[in-house]
C-alpha atoms as a PDB file:
ATOM      1  CA  MET A   1     -18.782 126.654  91.226  1.00  0.00           C
ATOM      2  CA  ILE A   2     -19.576 130.008  92.879  1.00  0.00           C
ATOM      3  CA  ILE A   3     -22.732 129.264  94.803  1.00  0.00           C
ATOM      4  CA  ILE A   4     -24.738 132.463  96.200  1.00  0.00           C
ATOM      5  CA  PRO A   5     -26.823 132.037  98.826  1.00  0.00           C
ATOM      6  CA  VAL A   6     -30.179 134.208  97.923  1.00  0.00           C
ATOM      7  CA  LYS A   7     -31.907 135.438 101.568  1.00  0.00           C
ATOM      8  CA  GLU A   8     -35.388 135.655 102.035  1.00  0.00           C
ATOM      9  CA  GLY A   9     -37.315 138.731 100.325  1.00  0.00           C
ATOM     10  CA  GLU A  10     -33.791 139.401  98.065  1.00  0.00           C
ATOM     11  CA  SER A  11     -34.794 140.153  94.633  1.00  0.00           C
ATOM     12  CA  ILE A  12     -33.159 137.922  91.618  1.00  0.00           C
ATOM     13  CA  ASP A  13     -31.176 141.440  90.361  1.00  0.00           C
ATOM     14  CA  ARG A  14     -29.805 141.703  94.163  1.00  0.00           C
ATOM     15  CA  ALA A  15     -28.386 137.794  93.838  1.00  0.00           C
ATOM     16  CA  LEU A  16     -27.329 137.650  90.582  1.00  0.00           C
ATOM     17  CA  LYS A  17     -25.262 141.482  91.125  1.00  0.00           C
ATOM     18  CA  ARG A  18     -23.731 139.410  93.964  1.00  0.00           C
ATOM     19  CA  TYR A  19     -23.163 136.357  92.161  1.00  0.00           C
ATOM     20  CA  LYS A  20     -21.443 138.532  88.900  1.00  0.00           C
ATOM     21  CA  ARG A  21     -19.175 140.549  91.760  1.00  0.00           C
ATOM     22  CA  LYS A  22     -18.157 136.941  92.921  1.00  0.00           C
ATOM     23  CA  TYR A  23     -17.244 135.555  89.674  1.00  0.00           C
ATOM     24  CA  GLU A  24     -15.318 138.255  88.363  1.00  0.00           C
ATOM     25  CA  LYS A  25     -13.126 138.366  91.471  1.00  0.00           C
ATOM     26  CA  THR A  26     -12.434 134.538  90.800  1.00  0.00           C
ATOM     27  CA  GLY A  27     -10.228 136.093  87.492  1.00  0.00           C
ATOM     28  CA  VAL A  28     -11.684 133.432  85.273  1.00  0.00           C
ATOM     29  CA  VAL A  29     -12.470 135.767  82.564  1.00  0.00           C
ATOM     30  CA  LYS A  30      -8.940 137.509  82.611  1.00  0.00           C
ATOM     31  CA  GLU A  31      -7.312 133.839  83.053  1.00  0.00           C
ATOM     32  CA  LEU A  32      -9.285 132.488  79.719  1.00  0.00           C
ATOM     33  CA  ARG A  33      -7.970 136.151  77.807  1.00  0.00           C
ATOM     34  CA  THR A  34      -4.488 135.189  78.784  1.00  0.00           C
ATOM     35  CA  ARG A  35      -4.666 131.838  77.872  1.00  0.00           C
ATOM     36  CA  GLN A  36      -5.799 132.248  74.396  1.00  0.00           C
ATOM     37  CA  GLN A  37      -2.861 134.110  73.423  1.00  0.00           C
ATOM     38  CA  TYR A  38       1.317 133.512  73.797  1.00  0.00           C
ATOM     39  CA  THR A  39       3.266 135.787  75.222  1.00  0.00           C
ATOM     40  CA  LYS A  40       6.865 135.889  75.475  1.00  0.00           C
ATOM     41  CA  PRO A  41       8.165 136.197  78.935  1.00  0.00           C
ATOM     42  CA  SER A  42      10.747 138.900  77.962  1.00  0.00           C
ATOM     43  CA  VAL A  43       8.014 140.929  75.950  1.00  0.00           C
ATOM     44  CA  ILE A  44       5.962 140.725  79.767  1.00  0.00           C
ATOM     45  CA  LYS A  45       8.795 141.702  81.543  1.00  0.00           C
ATOM     46  CA  ARG A  46       9.072 145.259  78.880  1.00  0.00           C
ATOM     47  CA  ALA A  47       5.122 146.044  79.300  1.00  0.00           C
ATOM     48  CA  GLN A  48       5.693 145.698  83.079  1.00  0.00           C
ATOM     49  CA  LYS A  49       8.960 147.919  82.996  1.00  0.00           C
ATOM     50  CA  ILE A  50       6.993 150.701  80.682  1.00  0.00           C
ATOM     51  CA  LYS A  51       3.480 150.247  82.794  1.00  0.00           C
ATOM     52  CA  ALA A  52       6.250 150.777  86.498  1.00  0.00           C
ATOM     53  CA  ALA A  53       8.163 154.102  84.717  1.00  0.00           C
ATOM     54  CA  TYR A  54       4.413 155.455  83.484  1.00  0.00           C
ATOM     55  CA  VAL A  55       2.918 155.063  87.316  1.00  0.00           C
ATOM     56  CA  LEU A  56       6.322 156.479  88.895  1.00  0.00           C
ATOM     57  CA  LYS A  57       5.813 159.926  86.371  1.00  0.00           C
ATOM     58  CA  LEU A  58       2.769 160.143  87.725  1.00  0.00           C
ATOM     59  CA  ARG A  59       3.887 159.979  91.032  1.00  0.00           C
ATOM     60  CA  GLN A  60       6.383 162.247  90.673  1.00  0.00           C
ATOM     61  CA  ALA A  61       3.991 165.046  88.911  1.00  0.00           C
ATOM     62  CA  GLU A  62       1.460 164.550  91.812  1.00  0.00           C
ATOM     63  CA  GLU A  63       4.556 165.254  94.173  1.00  0.00           C
ATOM     64  CA  ASN A  64       5.755 168.361  92.534  1.00  0.00           C
ATOM     65  CA  MET A  65       2.220 169.901  91.876  1.00  0.00           C
END
């Protein structure tokens, strides 16, 4: 459970924003989405390789400029 202490004189909007930020950092929503659908390990590895190649290509393009 996430607990956000509200400081004296702090608006509810500000406290709610801090709560949302803290909730986002826990990764609950991201994990829930990944658990909704099974992905084979081979598919995950392939996606990681594609992403790594893309990032490498971007870095090389940046160096050449």
